[in-house]
Protein backbone atom coordinates (compact mmCIF):
# COMPACT_ATOMS: atom_id res chain seq x y z
CA UNK A 1 135.68 84.53 80.87
CA UNK A 2 134.05 84.61 84.34
CA UNK A 3 137.38 83.77 85.96
CA UNK A 4 139.06 86.61 84.06
CA UNK A 5 136.39 89.06 85.23
CA UNK A 6 136.92 87.94 88.84
CA UNK A 7 140.70 88.38 88.60
CA UNK A 8 140.35 91.86 87.11
CA UNK A 9 137.80 92.90 89.73
CA UNK A 10 140.15 91.80 92.53
CA UNK A 11 143.00 93.73 90.88
CA UNK A 12 140.84 96.85 90.65
CA UNK A 13 139.93 96.69 94.33
CA UNK A 14 143.42 95.84 95.57
CA UNK A 15 146.32 98.19 96.07
CA UNK A 16 146.70 101.15 98.38
CA UNK A 17 144.43 101.70 101.34
CA UNK A 18 141.57 104.09 100.66
CA UNK A 19 142.37 107.71 101.52
CA UNK A 20 140.64 111.06 101.25
CA UNK A 21 142.24 111.41 97.81
CA UNK A 22 140.73 108.16 96.47
CA UNK A 23 138.12 108.85 93.77
CA UNK A 24 135.83 106.18 92.27
CA UNK A 25 134.04 106.83 88.96
CA UNK A 26 131.54 104.83 86.90
CA UNK A 27 130.51 105.31 83.26
CA UNK A 28 127.92 103.65 81.03
CA UNK A 29 126.97 104.19 77.38
CA UNK A 30 124.60 102.91 74.76
CA UNK A 31 124.17 103.90 71.15
CA UNK A 32 124.75 103.24 67.45
CA UNK A 33 127.88 101.87 65.73
CA UNK A 34 129.02 101.69 62.11
CA UNK A 35 131.88 99.41 61.05
CA UNK A 36 132.98 98.75 57.46
CA UNK A 37 129.56 99.16 55.88
CA UNK A 38 127.48 97.57 58.65
CA UNK A 39 125.46 99.33 61.34
CA UNK A 40 124.29 98.12 64.74
CA UNK A 41 124.13 98.93 68.43
CA UNK A 42 126.70 98.96 71.24
CA UNK A 43 126.99 99.05 75.02
CA UNK A 44 129.85 100.15 77.26
CA UNK A 45 130.63 100.10 81.00
CA UNK A 46 133.67 101.46 82.80
CA UNK A 47 134.75 101.79 86.44
CA UNK A 48 137.99 103.29 87.71
CA UNK A 49 139.78 104.16 90.92
CA UNK A 50 142.21 107.09 91.21
CA UNK A 51 144.58 108.35 93.88
CA UNK A 52 147.32 110.97 93.60
CA UNK A 53 149.81 108.27 92.48
CA UNK A 54 147.74 105.40 91.03
CA UNK A 55 145.07 104.63 88.46
CA UNK A 56 143.04 101.39 88.09
CA UNK A 57 140.60 101.13 85.19
CA UNK A 58 138.25 98.33 84.04
CA UNK A 59 136.26 98.59 80.76
CA UNK A 60 133.75 96.33 79.05
CA UNK A 61 132.54 97.07 75.52
CA UNK A 62 130.40 95.11 73.07
CA UNK A 63 128.45 95.64 69.87
CA UNK A 64 126.27 93.73 67.46
CA UNK A 65 126.33 94.24 63.69
CA UNK A 66 123.74 92.01 62.04
CA UNK A 67 124.80 88.43 62.72
CA UNK A 68 128.25 89.48 63.98
CA UNK A 69 129.34 90.51 67.45
CA UNK A 70 132.38 91.99 69.16
CA UNK A 71 133.39 91.87 72.85
CA UNK A 72 136.28 93.78 74.41
CA UNK A 73 137.33 93.63 78.08
CA UNK A 74 140.30 95.68 79.27
CA UNK A 75 142.03 96.34 82.60
CA UNK A 76 144.81 98.91 82.99
CA UNK A 77 146.88 99.72 86.06
CA UNK A 78 149.36 102.59 86.26
CA UNK A 79 151.38 103.97 89.16
CA UNK A 80 153.45 107.13 89.53
CA UNK A 81 156.76 106.69 91.33
CA UNK A 82 155.82 109.60 93.61
CA UNK A 83 153.27 112.40 93.70
CA UNK A 84 155.62 115.00 92.19
CA UNK A 85 157.29 112.75 89.59
CA UNK A 86 155.96 112.64 86.01
CA UNK A 87 157.23 109.11 85.29
CA UNK A 88 154.93 106.12 85.83
CA UNK A 89 154.74 102.41 85.02
CA UNK A 90 151.72 100.68 83.49
CA UNK A 91 150.32 97.22 82.83
CA UNK A 92 147.40 96.44 80.50
CA UNK A 93 145.53 93.15 80.04
CA UNK A 94 142.69 92.73 77.54
CA UNK A 95 140.43 90.09 76.00
CA UNK A 96 138.73 90.33 72.58
CA UNK A 97 136.27 88.22 70.62
CA UNK A 98 135.23 89.23 67.10
CA UNK A 99 133.04 86.88 65.05
CA UNK A 100 133.28 89.16 62.03
CA UNK A 101 137.05 88.61 61.84
CA UNK A 102 136.76 84.90 62.72
CA UNK A 103 138.60 85.74 65.95
CA UNK A 104 137.48 83.27 68.62
CA UNK A 105 139.74 84.79 71.28
CA UNK A 106 142.63 87.22 71.66
CA UNK A 107 144.46 87.87 74.90
CA UNK A 108 146.63 90.98 74.85
CA UNK A 109 149.19 92.07 77.44
CA UNK A 110 151.45 95.10 77.50
CA UNK A 111 153.57 96.88 80.07
CA UNK A 112 156.14 99.63 80.15
CA UNK A 113 156.76 103.20 81.22
CA UNK A 114 154.82 106.41 80.69
CA UNK A 115 155.57 110.09 81.13
CA UNK A 116 153.36 113.16 81.63
CA UNK A 117 154.64 115.33 78.80
CA UNK A 118 152.32 118.21 79.71
CA UNK A 119 149.90 118.67 82.62
CA UNK A 120 147.67 121.74 82.73
CA UNK A 121 144.42 122.83 84.36
CA UNK A 122 142.13 121.48 81.63
CA UNK A 123 143.94 118.28 80.68
CA UNK A 124 147.19 116.45 80.06
CA UNK A 125 149.38 114.83 77.40
CA UNK A 126 151.16 111.54 78.13
CA UNK A 127 153.53 109.29 76.21
CA UNK A 128 154.13 105.56 76.71
CA UNK A 129 156.74 103.02 75.59
CA UNK A 130 156.81 99.31 76.33
CA UNK A 131 156.48 95.71 75.21
CA UNK A 132 153.25 94.04 74.05
CA UNK A 133 152.19 90.43 73.53
CA UNK A 134 149.21 88.87 71.70
CA UNK A 135 147.88 85.33 71.82
CA UNK A 136 145.14 84.93 69.20
CA UNK A 137 142.92 81.93 68.49
CA UNK A 138 141.36 82.12 65.04
CA UNK A 139 139.03 79.43 63.69
CA UNK A 140 141.84 77.42 62.10
CA UNK A 141 144.99 78.89 63.64
CA UNK A 142 146.64 80.00 66.89
CA UNK A 143 149.16 82.84 66.78
CA UNK A 144 151.55 84.28 69.34
CA UNK A 145 152.96 87.70 68.51
CA UNK A 146 155.29 90.15 70.29
CA UNK A 147 155.57 93.88 69.65
CA UNK A 148 157.32 97.05 70.67
CA UNK A 149 154.61 99.54 71.67
CA UNK A 150 154.49 103.31 71.80
CA UNK A 151 151.67 105.80 72.29
CA UNK A 152 150.67 109.45 72.67
CA UNK A 153 147.46 110.35 74.55
CA UNK A 154 145.79 113.75 74.93
CA UNK A 155 142.79 114.49 77.19
CA UNK A 156 141.29 117.98 77.22
CA UNK A 157 138.24 119.60 78.83
CA UNK A 158 136.73 122.97 78.00
CA UNK A 159 133.49 123.74 79.80
CA UNK A 160 130.90 121.14 78.82
CA UNK A 161 133.04 119.74 75.99
CA UNK A 162 135.66 117.00 76.47
CA UNK A 163 137.98 115.55 73.83
CA UNK A 164 140.31 112.56 73.62
CA UNK A 165 142.95 111.91 70.97
CA UNK A 166 145.09 108.75 71.03
CA UNK A 167 147.69 107.24 68.71
CA UNK A 168 149.29 103.87 69.46
CA UNK A 169 152.01 102.15 67.44
CA UNK A 170 152.76 98.40 67.50
CA UNK A 171 155.92 97.12 65.75
CA UNK A 172 156.02 93.32 65.44
CA UNK A 173 159.34 91.90 66.70
CA UNK A 174 158.49 88.18 66.71
CA UNK A 175 158.81 85.98 63.60
CA UNK A 176 156.18 86.66 60.93
CA UNK A 177 154.11 83.47 60.46
CA UNK A 178 151.50 84.58 57.91
CA UNK A 179 151.62 88.37 57.80
CA UNK A 180 153.27 91.25 59.62
CA UNK A 181 150.74 92.59 62.17
CA UNK A 182 152.57 95.87 62.80
CA UNK A 183 149.98 98.63 62.96
CA UNK A 184 149.09 102.15 64.02
CA UNK A 185 145.84 102.69 65.93
CA UNK A 186 144.01 106.02 65.94
CA UNK A 187 141.21 107.05 68.29
CA UNK A 188 139.28 110.33 68.58
CA UNK A 189 136.29 111.18 70.77
CA UNK A 190 134.30 114.27 71.65
CA UNK A 191 131.58 114.52 74.29
CA UNK A 192 129.12 117.21 75.33
CA UNK A 193 127.86 117.25 78.91
CA UNK A 194 124.07 117.64 78.96
CA UNK A 195 123.84 117.76 82.76
CA UNK A 196 125.59 116.32 85.82
CA UNK A 197 124.86 112.72 84.74
CA UNK A 198 124.28 112.57 80.96
CA UNK A 199 126.38 113.38 77.90
CA UNK A 200 126.34 112.96 74.13
CA UNK A 201 129.43 111.25 72.68
CA UNK A 202 130.80 110.78 69.15
CA UNK A 203 133.89 108.74 68.36
CA UNK A 204 136.10 107.36 65.60
CA UNK A 205 138.57 104.45 65.57
CA UNK A 206 140.95 103.23 62.86
CA UNK A 207 143.70 100.61 62.59
CA UNK A 208 146.32 101.00 59.86
CA UNK A 209 148.30 97.82 59.11
CA UNK A 210 151.65 98.86 57.67
CA UNK A 211 152.34 95.60 55.76
CA UNK A 212 149.13 95.18 53.74
CA UNK A 213 147.96 98.82 53.93
CA UNK A 214 144.52 97.78 55.24
CA UNK A 215 142.80 100.39 57.41
CA UNK A 216 139.53 99.20 58.98
CA UNK A 217 137.61 101.95 60.76
CA UNK A 218 134.48 102.41 62.83
CA UNK A 219 132.27 105.21 64.12
CA UNK A 220 129.90 105.44 67.06
CA UNK A 221 127.33 107.78 68.59
CA UNK A 222 126.34 107.30 72.24
CA UNK A 223 124.31 108.61 75.13
CA UNK A 224 126.58 108.39 78.18
CA UNK A 225 126.03 108.31 81.93
CA UNK A 226 128.61 109.14 84.59
CA UNK A 227 128.64 108.97 88.36
């Protein structure tokens, strides 16, 4: 885990030389979570680096629900082919641990191409298509799974209010060992900026597994900080 953090930190710092257009941002949150009938607390930290053609983003999220815990670490890198081109490539690497689901470890990797469907003054809409790969270590089993991946992402700002809507689709293309893990993931978030540093945030997440029709969901309420 420490080695993975070091690798992701180096990746975040590497790349193009710093320019006047380079923007660094940091975010932190803390608050309440509710997941399938259990309530608890969560914490979140994010740092990213943007230029006119590149984006590097590192996120760490964790929550506790009674005796159970969940940890999620994600790094995403995306690069436009030029400043005036809407097409970009992306790579995402993540690590998950979820004691509630008996998931000791899951490494996830995906890469592909994205496109800015609509860019406007207050936000943008992007679409992505690529290939994804999971390696999961459950208590009594290890699974390797490949997927086709697609997604639509909308970010919008209006005054002090910001919204995010995301839909991602994973179609399993590797052999089904125990069950088909094809799924659709939904995410929605709204935040209200209290001042230059603090904001109130509410969010909703849901996974819909197409084979067994299960649809676990969670909610959260946070106080956020941004610099």
